[in-house]
Amino acid sequence: MELTAPARRFTGGRDADGMAVASFVLGLVGLLVMNIVLGPVAVVLAALALWRGTARRGRALLGLALGIADLVVLATLVVGNGVVVWSPVG
């Protein structure tokens, strides 16, 4: 009787697809709240998903664009207000 390790399933593609979707969602939410955190995370996740060869390439590219837009909104707010903290109330 021979003991062998259980077979591993390759989940790299599924992980990359999840990263693409996560980057899209985080980039979208980052336009409204916490863009200082969510923008860079969206950019990194999108880049990793594209590097790993995701099947959801369009979603990853959109997440990358939204993450960059988050950073542009942040830069605009910093230049306009002079501070990183902002409030929709005024």
C-alpha atoms as a PDB file:
ATOM      1  CA  MET A   1       0.000   0.000   0.000  1.00  0.00           C
ATOM      2  CA  GLU A   2       1.460   3.308  -1.089  1.00  0.00           C
ATOM      3  CA  LEU A   3       0.624   6.604   0.619  1.00  0.00           C
ATOM      4  CA  THR A   4       0.482   9.652  -1.587  1.00  0.00           C
ATOM      5  CA  ALA A   5      -0.464  13.235  -1.005  1.00  0.00           C
ATOM      6  CA  PRO A   6      -3.938  14.295  -2.145  1.00  0.00           C
ATOM      7  CA  ALA A   7      -4.096  15.878  -5.551  1.00  0.00           C
ATOM      8  CA  ARG A   8      -4.117  19.656  -5.562  1.00  0.00           C
ATOM      9  CA  ARG A   9      -6.480  21.597  -7.736  1.00  0.00           C
ATOM     10  CA  PHE A  10      -5.135  24.528  -9.698  1.00  0.00           C
ATOM     11  CA  THR A  11      -7.048  27.602  -8.590  1.00  0.00           C
ATOM     12  CA  GLY A  12      -4.793  30.265 -10.108  1.00  0.00           C
ATOM     13  CA  GLY A  13      -7.302  31.229 -12.799  1.00  0.00           C
ATOM     14  CA  ARG A  14     -10.176  31.394 -10.368  1.00  0.00           C
ATOM     15  CA  ASP A  15      -8.080  33.480  -7.967  1.00  0.00           C
ATOM     16  CA  ALA A  16      -7.177  35.882 -10.762  1.00  0.00           C
ATOM     17  CA  ASP A  17     -10.836  36.199 -11.747  1.00  0.00           C
ATOM     18  CA  GLY A  18     -11.733  36.972  -8.133  1.00  0.00           C
ATOM     19  CA  MET A  19      -9.018  39.610  -7.991  1.00  0.00           C
ATOM     20  CA  ALA A  20     -10.382  41.220 -11.159  1.00  0.00           C
ATOM     21  CA  VAL A  21     -13.895  41.430  -9.707  1.00  0.00           C
ATOM     22  CA  ALA A  22     -12.578  42.664  -6.356  1.00  0.00           C
ATOM     23  CA  SER A  23     -10.544  45.401  -8.030  1.00  0.00           C
ATOM     24  CA  PHE A  24     -13.633  46.562  -9.935  1.00  0.00           C
ATOM     25  CA  VAL A  25     -15.802  46.649  -6.806  1.00  0.00           C
ATOM     26  CA  LEU A  26     -13.155  48.334  -4.647  1.00  0.00           C
ATOM     27  CA  GLY A  27     -12.432  50.903  -7.344  1.00  0.00           C
ATOM     28  CA  LEU A  28     -16.120  51.688  -7.676  1.00  0.00           C
ATOM     29  CA  VAL A  29     -16.689  52.006  -3.936  1.00  0.00           C
ATOM     30  CA  GLY A  30     -13.463  53.997  -3.623  1.00  0.00           C
ATOM     31  CA  LEU A  31     -14.926  56.779  -5.723  1.00  0.00           C
ATOM     32  CA  LEU A  32     -17.337  57.466  -2.860  1.00  0.00           C
ATOM     33  CA  VAL A  33     -15.481  56.568   0.342  1.00  0.00           C
ATOM     34  CA  MET A  34     -11.950  55.824   1.527  1.00  0.00           C
ATOM     35  CA  ASN A  35     -10.296  56.454  -1.826  1.00  0.00           C
ATOM     36  CA  ILE A  36      -6.917  56.818  -0.101  1.00  0.00           C
ATOM     37  CA  VAL A  37      -7.053  53.098   0.778  1.00  0.00           C
ATOM     38  CA  LEU A  38      -9.328  51.528  -1.814  1.00  0.00           C
ATOM     39  CA  GLY A  39      -7.748  53.194  -4.847  1.00  0.00           C
ATOM     40  CA  PRO A  40      -4.273  51.705  -4.431  1.00  0.00           C
ATOM     41  CA  VAL A  41      -5.717  48.318  -3.433  1.00  0.00           C
ATOM     42  CA  ALA A  42      -7.851  48.280  -6.592  1.00  0.00           C
ATOM     43  CA  VAL A  43      -4.822  49.132  -8.733  1.00  0.00           C
ATOM     44  CA  VAL A  44      -2.692  46.387  -7.174  1.00  0.00           C
ATOM     45  CA  LEU A  45      -5.427  43.747  -7.451  1.00  0.00           C
ATOM     46  CA  ALA A  46      -6.102  44.654 -11.079  1.00  0.00           C
ATOM     47  CA  ALA A  47      -2.399  44.484 -11.934  1.00  0.00           C
ATOM     48  CA  LEU A  48      -2.069  41.087 -10.238  1.00  0.00           C
ATOM     49  CA  ALA A  49      -5.156  39.757 -12.007  1.00  0.00           C
ATOM     50  CA  LEU A  50      -3.829  40.900 -15.385  1.00  0.00           C
ATOM     51  CA  TRP A  51      -0.381  39.471 -14.617  1.00  0.00           C
ATOM     52  CA  ARG A  52      -1.900  36.101 -13.696  1.00  0.00           C
ATOM     53  CA  GLY A  53      -3.921  36.021 -16.917  1.00  0.00           C
ATOM     54  CA  THR A  54      -7.499  36.435 -15.751  1.00  0.00           C
ATOM     55  CA  ALA A  55     -10.376  35.476 -17.992  1.00  0.00           C
ATOM     56  CA  ARG A  56     -12.119  38.675 -16.851  1.00  0.00           C
ATOM     57  CA  ARG A  57      -9.629  40.999 -18.508  1.00  0.00           C
ATOM     58  CA  GLY A  58     -12.194  43.735 -19.137  1.00  0.00           C
ATOM     59  CA  ARG A  59     -13.252  43.792 -15.507  1.00  0.00           C
ATOM     60  CA  ALA A  60      -9.618  43.967 -14.394  1.00  0.00           C
ATOM     61  CA  LEU A  61      -8.935  46.863 -16.768  1.00  0.00           C
ATOM     62  CA  LEU A  62     -12.027  48.646 -15.504  1.00  0.00           C
ATOM     63  CA  GLY A  63     -10.882  48.073 -11.913  1.00  0.00           C
ATOM     64  CA  LEU A  64      -7.481  49.504 -12.843  1.00  0.00           C
ATOM     65  CA  ALA A  65      -9.109  52.580 -14.396  1.00  0.00           C
ATOM     66  CA  LEU A  66     -11.392  53.081 -11.390  1.00  0.00           C
ATOM     67  CA  GLY A  67      -8.468  52.704  -8.983  1.00  0.00           C
ATOM     68  CA  ILE A  68      -6.544  55.353 -10.885  1.00  0.00           C
ATOM     69  CA  ALA A  69      -9.674  57.544 -10.887  1.00  0.00           C
ATOM     70  CA  ASP A  70      -9.818  57.143  -7.094  1.00  0.00           C
ATOM     71  CA  LEU A  71      -6.288  58.501  -6.851  1.00  0.00           C
ATOM     72  CA  VAL A  72      -7.109  61.385  -9.209  1.00  0.00           C
ATOM     73  CA  VAL A  73     -10.142  62.298  -7.077  1.00  0.00           C
ATOM     74  CA  LEU A  74      -7.944  62.151  -3.977  1.00  0.00           C
ATOM     75  CA  ALA A  75      -5.308  64.384  -5.581  1.00  0.00           C
ATOM     76  CA  THR A  76      -7.990  66.854  -6.669  1.00  0.00           C
ATOM     77  CA  LEU A  77      -9.411  67.017  -3.156  1.00  0.00           C
ATOM     78  CA  VAL A  78      -5.969  67.495  -1.618  1.00  0.00           C
ATOM     79  CA  VAL A  79      -5.115  70.311  -4.033  1.00  0.00           C
ATOM     80  CA  GLY A  80      -8.530  71.937  -3.651  1.00  0.00           C
ATOM     81  CA  ASN A  81      -8.872  71.677   0.122  1.00  0.00           C
ATOM     82  CA  GLY A  82      -5.241  71.389   1.166  1.00  0.00           C
ATOM     83  CA  VAL A  83      -5.979  68.356   3.347  1.00  0.00           C
ATOM     84  CA  VAL A  84      -6.453  64.620   2.839  1.00  0.00           C
ATOM     85  CA  VAL A  85      -9.611  64.461   4.958  1.00  0.00           C
ATOM     86  CA  TRP A  86     -12.803  65.525   3.260  1.00  0.00           C
ATOM     87  CA  SER A  87     -16.469  65.492   4.092  1.00  0.00           C
ATOM     88  CA  PRO A  88     -19.510  65.726   1.831  1.00  0.00           C
ATOM     89  CA  VAL A  89     -21.150  67.979   4.441  1.00  0.00           C
ATOM     90  CA  GLY A  90     -18.657  70.779   3.879  1.00  0.00           C
END
